[in-house]
Amino acid sequence: MSSRKYKSFQEFYPYYLSEHREKGTRILHFIGTTLFLLLVSWAIWSLNAWFILGGVVAAYGCAWIGHFFVEKNKPATFQYPIWSLISDFKLYFQIWGGKEGFVGKE
């Protein structure tokens, strides 16, 4: 985990990407974010807020497995929770849009 204090999201995001270099970590984040979005959608459709909790557990569970067992680092969420959350979604939509791949820029 970085001991540097980031003053802006623009400074933070390159660090975030450096902590997500392994293909397996990115895939697990992508799966977790997809599950989160699906479960939140289901919560809205079914009017059952418990699915939101399931989405949070799925997202963080997948991400943390990627960090602890694939990337072998600590999630930036512990030090930068808001910027990490924003970065998760930014990377997710960049992968969908083809700007990022599962193994860094392609």
C-alpha atoms as a PDB file:
ATOM      1  CA  MET A   1       0.000   0.000   0.000  1.00  0.00           C
ATOM      2  CA  SER A   2       1.239   3.457  -0.869  1.00  0.00           C
ATOM      3  CA  SER A   3       2.351   5.764   1.928  1.00  0.00           C
ATOM      4  CA  ARG A   4       2.062   8.701  -0.465  1.00  0.00           C
ATOM      5  CA  LYS A   5      -0.872  11.050   0.051  1.00  0.00           C
ATOM      6  CA  TYR A   6      -2.685  11.717  -3.210  1.00  0.00           C
ATOM      7  CA  LYS A   7      -4.207  15.161  -3.585  1.00  0.00           C
ATOM      8  CA  SER A   8      -6.408  14.457  -6.598  1.00  0.00           C
ATOM      9  CA  PHE A   9      -8.125  11.628  -8.372  1.00  0.00           C
ATOM     10  CA  GLN A  10      -5.922  12.289 -11.406  1.00  0.00           C
ATOM     11  CA  GLU A  11      -2.860  11.557  -9.252  1.00  0.00           C
ATOM     12  CA  PHE A  12      -4.489   8.535  -7.631  1.00  0.00           C
ATOM     13  CA  TYR A  13      -5.755   6.654 -10.700  1.00  0.00           C
ATOM     14  CA  PRO A  14      -2.309   5.714 -12.109  1.00  0.00           C
ATOM     15  CA  TYR A  15      -1.464   4.299  -8.668  1.00  0.00           C
ATOM     16  CA  TYR A  16      -4.752   2.379  -8.686  1.00  0.00           C
ATOM     17  CA  LEU A  17      -3.904   0.873 -12.088  1.00  0.00           C
ATOM     18  CA  SER A  18      -0.445  -0.097 -10.826  1.00  0.00           C
ATOM     19  CA  GLU A  19      -2.121  -2.085  -8.054  1.00  0.00           C
ATOM     20  CA  HIS A  20      -4.226  -3.941 -10.653  1.00  0.00           C
ATOM     21  CA  ARG A  21      -1.607  -5.222 -13.096  1.00  0.00           C
ATOM     22  CA  GLU A  22      -2.450  -8.920 -13.010  1.00  0.00           C
ATOM     23  CA  LYS A  23      -5.053 -10.273 -15.390  1.00  0.00           C
ATOM     24  CA  GLY A  24      -6.691 -12.308 -12.629  1.00  0.00           C
ATOM     25  CA  THR A  25      -7.121  -9.258 -10.406  1.00  0.00           C
ATOM     26  CA  ARG A  26      -8.794  -7.279 -13.176  1.00  0.00           C
ATOM     27  CA  ILE A  27     -11.034 -10.202 -14.095  1.00  0.00           C
ATOM     28  CA  LEU A  28     -12.115 -10.645 -10.474  1.00  0.00           C
ATOM     29  CA  HIS A  29     -12.826  -6.915 -10.143  1.00  0.00           C
ATOM     30  CA  PHE A  30     -14.815  -7.017 -13.378  1.00  0.00           C
ATOM     31  CA  ILE A  31     -16.853 -10.007 -12.164  1.00  0.00           C
ATOM     32  CA  GLY A  32     -17.438  -8.399  -8.768  1.00  0.00           C
ATOM     33  CA  THR A  33     -18.574  -5.095 -10.244  1.00  0.00           C
ATOM     34  CA  THR A  34     -20.861  -6.898 -12.689  1.00  0.00           C
ATOM     35  CA  LEU A  35     -22.409  -8.887  -9.830  1.00  0.00           C
ATOM     36  CA  PHE A  36     -22.842  -5.682  -7.836  1.00  0.00           C
ATOM     37  CA  LEU A  37     -24.664  -3.945 -10.689  1.00  0.00           C
ATOM     38  CA  LEU A  38     -26.861  -6.985 -11.345  1.00  0.00           C
ATOM     39  CA  LEU A  39     -27.768  -7.398  -7.688  1.00  0.00           C
ATOM     40  CA  VAL A  40     -28.537  -3.695  -7.230  1.00  0.00           C
ATOM     41  CA  SER A  41     -30.749  -3.876 -10.315  1.00  0.00           C
ATOM     42  CA  TRP A  42     -32.467  -6.937  -8.867  1.00  0.00           C
ATOM     43  CA  ALA A  43     -32.926  -5.130  -5.537  1.00  0.00           C
ATOM     44  CA  ILE A  44     -34.687  -2.283  -7.319  1.00  0.00           C
ATOM     45  CA  TRP A  45     -36.815  -4.633  -9.415  1.00  0.00           C
ATOM     46  CA  SER A  46     -37.787  -6.859  -6.491  1.00  0.00           C
ATOM     47  CA  LEU A  47     -38.000  -4.022  -3.938  1.00  0.00           C
ATOM     48  CA  ASN A  48     -35.709  -6.053  -1.699  1.00  0.00           C
ATOM     49  CA  ALA A  49     -32.793  -4.025  -0.359  1.00  0.00           C
ATOM     50  CA  TRP A  50     -31.004  -7.147   0.896  1.00  0.00           C
ATOM     51  CA  PHE A  51     -29.746  -7.726  -2.641  1.00  0.00           C
ATOM     52  CA  ILE A  52     -27.727  -4.506  -2.347  1.00  0.00           C
ATOM     53  CA  LEU A  53     -25.856  -6.025   0.587  1.00  0.00           C
ATOM     54  CA  GLY A  54     -25.278  -9.133  -1.514  1.00  0.00           C
ATOM     55  CA  GLY A  55     -23.889  -6.942  -4.282  1.00  0.00           C
ATOM     56  CA  VAL A  56     -21.470  -5.219  -1.918  1.00  0.00           C
ATOM     57  CA  VAL A  57     -20.290  -8.569  -0.526  1.00  0.00           C
ATOM     58  CA  ALA A  58     -19.854  -9.990  -4.029  1.00  0.00           C
ATOM     59  CA  ALA A  59     -17.936  -6.964  -5.285  1.00  0.00           C
ATOM     60  CA  TYR A  60     -15.567  -6.670  -2.339  1.00  0.00           C
ATOM     61  CA  GLY A  61     -15.215 -10.436  -2.027  1.00  0.00           C
ATOM     62  CA  CYS A  62     -14.073 -10.809  -5.640  1.00  0.00           C
ATOM     63  CA  ALA A  63     -11.822  -7.743  -5.444  1.00  0.00           C
ATOM     64  CA  TRP A  64     -10.160  -8.776  -2.200  1.00  0.00           C
ATOM     65  CA  ILE A  65      -9.550 -12.314  -3.428  1.00  0.00           C
ATOM     66  CA  GLY A  66      -7.795 -10.736  -6.412  1.00  0.00           C
ATOM     67  CA  HIS A  67      -5.650  -8.530  -4.218  1.00  0.00           C
ATOM     68  CA  PHE A  68      -4.730 -11.030  -1.516  1.00  0.00           C
ATOM     69  CA  PHE A  69      -4.215 -14.128  -3.677  1.00  0.00           C
ATOM     70  CA  VAL A  70      -3.472 -12.942  -7.226  1.00  0.00           C
ATOM     71  CA  GLU A  71      -1.889  -9.499  -6.975  1.00  0.00           C
ATOM     72  CA  LYS A  72      -0.532 -10.179  -3.458  1.00  0.00           C
ATOM     73  CA  ASN A  73      -1.083  -6.622  -2.275  1.00  0.00           C
ATOM     74  CA  LYS A  74      -3.481  -4.776  -0.003  1.00  0.00           C
ATOM     75  CA  PRO A  75      -6.553  -3.174  -1.540  1.00  0.00           C
ATOM     76  CA  ALA A  76      -6.298   0.593  -1.898  1.00  0.00           C
ATOM     77  CA  THR A  77      -9.826   0.680  -0.435  1.00  0.00           C
ATOM     78  CA  PHE A  78      -8.320   0.535   3.048  1.00  0.00           C
ATOM     79  CA  GLN A  79      -6.503   3.842   2.569  1.00  0.00           C
ATOM     80  CA  TYR A  80      -8.538   5.549  -0.177  1.00  0.00           C
ATOM     81  CA  PRO A  81     -12.105   4.183   0.000  1.00  0.00           C
ATOM     82  CA  ILE A  82     -13.878   6.794  -2.144  1.00  0.00           C
ATOM     83  CA  TRP A  83     -11.214   7.114  -4.835  1.00  0.00           C
ATOM     84  CA  SER A  84     -10.897   3.328  -4.975  1.00  0.00           C
ATOM     85  CA  LEU A  85     -14.632   2.933  -5.476  1.00  0.00           C
ATOM     86  CA  ILE A  86     -14.647   5.553  -8.231  1.00  0.00           C
ATOM     87  CA  SER A  87     -11.598   3.865  -9.787  1.00  0.00           C
ATOM     88  CA  ASP A  88     -13.306   0.463  -9.738  1.00  0.00           C
ATOM     89  CA  PHE A  89     -16.163   1.843 -11.812  1.00  0.00           C
ATOM     90  CA  LYS A  90     -13.843   3.841 -14.077  1.00  0.00           C
ATOM     91  CA  LEU A  91     -11.766   0.737 -14.857  1.00  0.00           C
ATOM     92  CA  TYR A  92     -14.934  -1.338 -15.299  1.00  0.00           C
ATOM     93  CA  PHE A  93     -16.373   1.023 -17.898  1.00  0.00           C
ATOM     94  CA  GLN A  94     -12.983   1.504 -19.572  1.00  0.00           C
ATOM     95  CA  ILE A  95     -12.776  -2.270 -20.028  1.00  0.00           C
ATOM     96  CA  TRP A  96     -16.291  -2.291 -21.527  1.00  0.00           C
ATOM     97  CA  GLY A  97     -15.320   0.602 -23.790  1.00  0.00           C
ATOM     98  CA  GLY A  98     -12.057  -0.989 -24.897  1.00  0.00           C
ATOM     99  CA  LYS A  99      -9.806   1.723 -23.378  1.00  0.00           C
ATOM    100  CA  GLU A 100      -8.330  -0.743 -20.879  1.00  0.00           C
ATOM    101  CA  GLY A 101      -7.943  -4.470 -21.138  1.00  0.00           C
ATOM    102  CA  PHE A 102      -7.661  -7.226 -18.627  1.00  0.00           C
ATOM    103  CA  VAL A 103      -3.852  -6.801 -18.708  1.00  0.00           C
ATOM    104  CA  GLY A 104      -3.131  -3.077 -18.732  1.00  0.00           C
ATOM    105  CA  LYS A 105      -3.353  -0.916 -21.810  1.00  0.00           C
ATOM    106  CA  GLU A 106      -3.444  -2.855 -25.040  1.00  0.00           C
END
